[in-house]
Amino acid sequence: MKVVFLDSAKQDLIDLRRYLVRYKSEGTWQAVKKQIQEKVAYIAEFPASGTHPDELAGFADSFRQHLTHQQRIIYRVTTDTIYIHIICGQVQDFEEILSQRLTRPW
């Protein structure tokens, strides 16, 4: 299936890279990037394999998540495309992230 990173997910990756390069040991960003790439490839092959995020229980079943060692990848599956919406740390407050995304000015 085709995978599309929404602008929000692209920004998540930029922010994650910036943080890891600044505050973590050398090579951490490369390791995390590889984990995300491998997980996205898996999602592309098996889109229905993700679990439904509890925080999105009231939404359509098309939203799913997969976890890497430290990140959550939130995506939505349509007939022929997978849309990556959010890439965030597993320890981050996901409800706060959702709130920020929904109230952000366009």
N, C-alpha and C. Protein backbone atom coordinates (compact mmCIF):
# COMPACT_ATOMS: atom_id res chain seq x y z
N MET A 1 0.83 -1.18 0.00
CA MET A 1 0.00 0.00 0.00
C MET A 1 0.87 1.25 0.00
N LYS A 2 0.32 2.31 -0.51
CA LYS A 2 0.99 3.60 -0.52
C LYS A 2 0.97 4.19 0.89
N VAL A 3 2.10 4.76 1.32
CA VAL A 3 2.19 5.41 2.63
C VAL A 3 2.46 6.89 2.43
N VAL A 4 1.66 7.72 3.10
CA VAL A 4 1.80 9.16 3.01
C VAL A 4 2.01 9.72 4.41
N PHE A 5 3.10 10.45 4.60
CA PHE A 5 3.36 11.15 5.86
C PHE A 5 2.68 12.51 5.76
N LEU A 6 1.71 12.77 6.63
CA LEU A 6 1.09 14.08 6.67
C LEU A 6 2.11 15.10 7.18
N ASP A 7 1.86 16.37 6.92
CA ASP A 7 2.78 17.41 7.35
C ASP A 7 3.03 17.35 8.85
N SER A 8 2.00 17.02 9.61
CA SER A 8 2.15 16.92 11.07
C SER A 8 3.16 15.85 11.44
N ALA A 9 3.13 14.72 10.78
CA ALA A 9 4.08 13.63 11.06
C ALA A 9 5.49 14.01 10.60
N LYS A 10 5.58 14.71 9.49
CA LYS A 10 6.89 15.19 9.03
C LYS A 10 7.50 16.12 10.06
N GLN A 11 6.67 17.01 10.62
CA GLN A 11 7.16 17.93 11.65
C GLN A 11 7.56 17.16 12.90
N ASP A 12 6.79 16.11 13.22
CA ASP A 12 7.15 15.27 14.37
C ASP A 12 8.55 14.70 14.20
N LEU A 13 8.86 14.23 13.00
CA LEU A 13 10.19 13.67 12.74
C LEU A 13 11.28 14.73 12.84
N ILE A 14 11.01 15.91 12.33
CA ILE A 14 11.98 17.00 12.43
C ILE A 14 12.24 17.33 13.90
N ASP A 15 11.17 17.45 14.68
CA ASP A 15 11.31 17.76 16.11
C ASP A 15 12.03 16.66 16.86
N LEU A 16 11.71 15.41 16.53
CA LEU A 16 12.36 14.28 17.18
C LEU A 16 13.85 14.26 16.87
N ARG A 17 14.19 14.46 15.62
CA ARG A 17 15.60 14.49 15.23
C ARG A 17 16.34 15.59 15.97
N ARG A 18 15.75 16.79 15.97
CA ARG A 18 16.36 17.93 16.65
C ARG A 18 16.64 17.61 18.12
N TYR A 19 15.66 17.02 18.78
CA TYR A 19 15.81 16.68 20.19
C TYR A 19 16.90 15.63 20.41
N LEU A 20 16.85 14.56 19.64
CA LEU A 20 17.81 13.47 19.83
C LEU A 20 19.24 13.88 19.53
N VAL A 21 19.43 14.66 18.48
CA VAL A 21 20.77 15.12 18.14
C VAL A 21 21.33 16.03 19.23
N ARG A 22 20.45 16.81 19.83
CA ARG A 22 20.90 17.77 20.85
C ARG A 22 21.12 17.13 22.21
N TYR A 23 20.25 16.21 22.62
CA TYR A 23 20.28 15.74 24.00
C TYR A 23 20.70 14.27 24.21
N LYS A 24 20.79 13.50 23.17
CA LYS A 24 21.13 12.09 23.34
C LYS A 24 22.49 11.79 22.73
N SER A 25 22.94 10.57 22.95
CA SER A 25 24.27 10.20 22.46
C SER A 25 24.30 10.11 20.94
N GLU A 26 25.50 10.22 20.41
CA GLU A 26 25.70 10.15 18.98
C GLU A 26 25.17 8.82 18.44
N GLY A 27 24.48 8.87 17.35
CA GLY A 27 23.94 7.66 16.74
C GLY A 27 22.53 7.32 17.18
N THR A 28 22.03 7.99 18.21
CA THR A 28 20.67 7.69 18.69
C THR A 28 19.64 7.99 17.62
N TRP A 29 19.77 9.15 16.96
CA TRP A 29 18.82 9.51 15.92
C TRP A 29 18.82 8.47 14.81
N GLN A 30 20.00 8.02 14.39
CA GLN A 30 20.07 7.02 13.32
C GLN A 30 19.36 5.73 13.72
N ALA A 31 19.54 5.31 14.96
CA ALA A 31 18.90 4.08 15.45
C ALA A 31 17.38 4.24 15.50
N VAL A 32 16.93 5.37 16.00
CA VAL A 32 15.48 5.62 16.09
C VAL A 32 14.88 5.74 14.69
N LYS A 33 15.57 6.44 13.81
CA LYS A 33 15.11 6.59 12.43
C LYS A 33 14.97 5.22 11.76
N LYS A 34 15.94 4.35 11.98
CA LYS A 34 15.89 3.00 11.40
C LYS A 34 14.69 2.23 11.94
N GLN A 35 14.44 2.32 13.24
CA GLN A 35 13.28 1.64 13.84
C GLN A 35 11.98 2.13 13.22
N ILE A 36 11.88 3.44 13.04
CA ILE A 36 10.65 4.01 12.46
C ILE A 36 10.50 3.56 11.01
N GLN A 37 11.58 3.58 10.25
CA GLN A 37 11.52 3.15 8.85
C GLN A 37 11.09 1.68 8.74
N GLU A 38 11.65 0.84 9.59
CA GLU A 38 11.29 -0.58 9.57
C GLU A 38 9.83 -0.78 9.94
N LYS A 39 9.35 -0.02 10.94
CA LYS A 39 7.96 -0.16 11.36
C LYS A 39 7.01 0.34 10.28
N VAL A 40 7.35 1.44 9.61
CA VAL A 40 6.50 1.96 8.53
C VAL A 40 6.46 0.96 7.37
N ALA A 41 7.57 0.32 7.06
CA ALA A 41 7.59 -0.71 6.02
C ALA A 41 6.67 -1.87 6.41
N TYR A 42 6.70 -2.25 7.68
CA TYR A 42 5.82 -3.32 8.17
C TYR A 42 4.35 -2.90 8.06
N ILE A 43 4.07 -1.66 8.45
CA ILE A 43 2.70 -1.14 8.36
C ILE A 43 2.23 -1.16 6.91
N ALA A 44 3.10 -0.79 5.98
CA ALA A 44 2.73 -0.79 4.57
C ALA A 44 2.35 -2.18 4.09
N GLU A 45 3.04 -3.18 4.62
CA GLU A 45 2.75 -4.56 4.21
C GLU A 45 1.56 -5.15 4.96
N PHE A 46 1.40 -4.77 6.22
CA PHE A 46 0.33 -5.32 7.06
C PHE A 46 -0.42 -4.19 7.77
N PRO A 47 -1.17 -3.39 7.03
CA PRO A 47 -1.80 -2.20 7.62
C PRO A 47 -2.80 -2.50 8.74
N ALA A 48 -3.45 -3.62 8.71
CA ALA A 48 -4.46 -3.94 9.73
C ALA A 48 -3.83 -4.52 10.99
N SER A 49 -2.52 -4.65 11.03
CA SER A 49 -1.86 -5.30 12.17
C SER A 49 -1.76 -4.41 13.40
N GLY A 50 -1.94 -3.11 13.23
CA GLY A 50 -1.83 -2.21 14.37
C GLY A 50 -3.02 -2.32 15.30
N THR A 51 -2.81 -1.84 16.51
CA THR A 51 -3.89 -1.83 17.50
C THR A 51 -4.63 -0.49 17.42
N HIS A 52 -5.83 -0.46 17.96
CA HIS A 52 -6.60 0.77 18.01
C HIS A 52 -6.19 1.57 19.24
N PRO A 53 -5.73 2.81 19.07
CA PRO A 53 -5.35 3.61 20.23
C PRO A 53 -6.56 3.86 21.14
N ASP A 54 -6.39 3.64 22.42
CA ASP A 54 -7.49 3.85 23.36
C ASP A 54 -8.02 5.29 23.28
N GLU A 55 -7.12 6.23 23.08
CA GLU A 55 -7.49 7.64 23.04
C GLU A 55 -8.37 7.98 21.84
N LEU A 56 -8.39 7.12 20.83
CA LEU A 56 -9.19 7.36 19.63
C LEU A 56 -10.35 6.38 19.52
N ALA A 57 -10.78 5.84 20.65
CA ALA A 57 -11.83 4.81 20.67
C ALA A 57 -13.13 5.32 20.06
N GLY A 58 -13.43 6.60 20.17
CA GLY A 58 -14.68 7.13 19.63
C GLY A 58 -14.63 7.44 18.15
N PHE A 59 -13.47 7.26 17.54
CA PHE A 59 -13.32 7.54 16.12
C PHE A 59 -13.45 6.25 15.31
N ALA A 60 -13.42 6.40 14.01
CA ALA A 60 -13.53 5.24 13.13
C ALA A 60 -12.40 4.24 13.39
N ASP A 61 -12.67 3.00 13.13
CA ASP A 61 -11.67 1.94 13.32
C ASP A 61 -10.49 2.07 12.38
N SER A 62 -10.52 3.03 11.48
CA SER A 62 -9.43 3.16 10.52
C SER A 62 -8.15 3.70 11.17
N PHE A 63 -8.24 4.26 12.39
CA PHE A 63 -7.04 4.72 13.09
C PHE A 63 -6.40 3.57 13.84
N ARG A 64 -5.09 3.46 13.68
CA ARG A 64 -4.34 2.39 14.33
C ARG A 64 -3.02 2.94 14.82
N GLN A 65 -2.33 2.12 15.60
CA GLN A 65 -1.00 2.51 16.06
C GLN A 65 -0.07 1.31 16.06
N HIS A 66 1.19 1.63 15.92
CA HIS A 66 2.27 0.66 16.10
C HIS A 66 3.30 1.32 16.98
N LEU A 67 4.01 0.52 17.73
CA LEU A 67 5.04 1.02 18.63
C LEU A 67 6.41 0.55 18.17
N THR A 68 7.40 1.47 18.27
CA THR A 68 8.79 1.06 18.14
C THR A 68 9.29 0.94 19.57
N HIS A 69 10.59 0.93 19.77
CA HIS A 69 11.10 0.83 21.13
C HIS A 69 10.65 1.99 22.00
N GLN A 70 10.57 3.19 21.41
CA GLN A 70 10.24 4.37 22.21
C GLN A 70 9.17 5.26 21.58
N GLN A 71 8.76 4.98 20.36
CA GLN A 71 7.85 5.87 19.65
C GLN A 71 6.50 5.20 19.36
N ARG A 72 5.48 6.03 19.22
CA ARG A 72 4.16 5.60 18.76
C ARG A 72 3.96 6.17 17.36
N ILE A 73 3.49 5.34 16.46
CA ILE A 73 3.16 5.78 15.11
C ILE A 73 1.64 5.63 14.98
N ILE A 74 0.96 6.76 14.81
CA ILE A 74 -0.49 6.77 14.67
C ILE A 74 -0.80 6.94 13.19
N TYR A 75 -1.62 6.06 12.65
CA TYR A 75 -1.91 6.11 11.22
C TYR A 75 -3.37 5.76 10.96
N ARG A 76 -3.81 6.12 9.77
CA ARG A 76 -5.18 5.84 9.33
C ARG A 76 -5.10 5.09 8.01
N VAL A 77 -5.91 4.07 7.90
CA VAL A 77 -5.92 3.23 6.71
C VAL A 77 -7.16 3.54 5.89
N THR A 78 -6.95 3.80 4.60
CA THR A 78 -8.07 3.93 3.66
C THR A 78 -7.96 2.77 2.68
N THR A 79 -8.75 2.80 1.66
CA THR A 79 -8.78 1.69 0.70
C THR A 79 -7.42 1.39 0.10
N ASP A 80 -6.70 2.44 -0.29
CA ASP A 80 -5.42 2.20 -0.98
C ASP A 80 -4.24 2.97 -0.41
N THR A 81 -4.46 3.71 0.69
CA THR A 81 -3.40 4.56 1.22
C THR A 81 -3.37 4.49 2.74
N ILE A 82 -2.18 4.56 3.29
CA ILE A 82 -1.97 4.66 4.73
C ILE A 82 -1.45 6.06 5.00
N TYR A 83 -2.13 6.78 5.89
CA TYR A 83 -1.74 8.14 6.24
C TYR A 83 -1.12 8.13 7.63
N ILE A 84 0.14 8.52 7.72
CA ILE A 84 0.82 8.63 9.01
C ILE A 84 0.47 10.01 9.57
N HIS A 85 -0.20 10.03 10.73
CA HIS A 85 -0.66 11.28 11.33
C HIS A 85 0.29 11.81 12.40
N ILE A 86 0.75 10.93 13.29
CA ILE A 86 1.52 11.36 14.44
C ILE A 86 2.65 10.37 14.69
N ILE A 87 3.82 10.89 15.03
CA ILE A 87 4.93 10.09 15.54
C ILE A 87 5.35 10.78 16.83
N CYS A 88 5.15 10.10 17.93
CA CYS A 88 5.45 10.72 19.23
C CYS A 88 6.05 9.68 20.17
N GLY A 89 6.66 10.17 21.22
CA GLY A 89 7.23 9.29 22.22
C GLY A 89 6.15 8.56 22.99
N GLN A 90 6.42 7.33 23.36
CA GLN A 90 5.45 6.55 24.12
C GLN A 90 5.15 7.15 25.48
N VAL A 91 6.08 7.90 26.03
CA VAL A 91 5.87 8.48 27.36
C VAL A 91 5.25 9.88 27.29
N GLN A 92 5.09 10.42 26.09
CA GLN A 92 4.46 11.72 25.96
C GLN A 92 2.97 11.61 26.27
N ASP A 93 2.38 12.73 26.67
CA ASP A 93 0.95 12.79 26.95
C ASP A 93 0.21 12.86 25.62
N PHE A 94 -0.30 11.71 25.18
CA PHE A 94 -0.92 11.61 23.86
C PHE A 94 -2.18 12.45 23.77
N GLU A 95 -2.94 12.52 24.83
CA GLU A 95 -4.16 13.33 24.81
C GLU A 95 -3.81 14.81 24.63
N GLU A 96 -2.72 15.25 25.23
CA GLU A 96 -2.28 16.63 25.04
C GLU A 96 -1.85 16.87 23.59
N ILE A 97 -1.17 15.91 23.01
CA ILE A 97 -0.76 16.03 21.60
C ILE A 97 -2.00 16.15 20.72
N LEU A 98 -2.99 15.31 20.96
CA LEU A 98 -4.23 15.38 20.17
C LEU A 98 -4.90 16.74 20.34
N SER A 99 -4.96 17.21 21.55
CA SER A 99 -5.57 18.51 21.82
C SER A 99 -4.85 19.62 21.07
N GLN A 100 -3.54 19.60 21.09
CA GLN A 100 -2.75 20.62 20.38
C GLN A 100 -3.00 20.55 18.87
N ARG A 101 -3.09 19.34 18.34
CA ARG A 101 -3.31 19.18 16.90
C ARG A 101 -4.69 19.69 16.49
N LEU A 102 -5.67 19.42 17.33
CA LEU A 102 -7.04 19.81 16.99
C LEU A 102 -7.28 21.30 17.15
N THR A 103 -6.51 21.96 18.01
CA THR A 103 -6.73 23.38 18.24
C THR A 103 -5.70 24.27 17.55
N ARG A 104 -4.79 23.68 16.82
CA ARG A 104 -3.75 24.46 16.13
C ARG A 104 -4.38 25.29 15.02
N PRO A 105 -3.99 26.55 14.91
CA PRO A 105 -4.53 27.38 13.81
C PRO A 105 -4.00 26.89 12.48
N TRP A 106 -4.78 27.00 11.48
CA TRP A 106 -4.38 26.55 10.13
C TRP A 106 -3.66 27.66 9.49
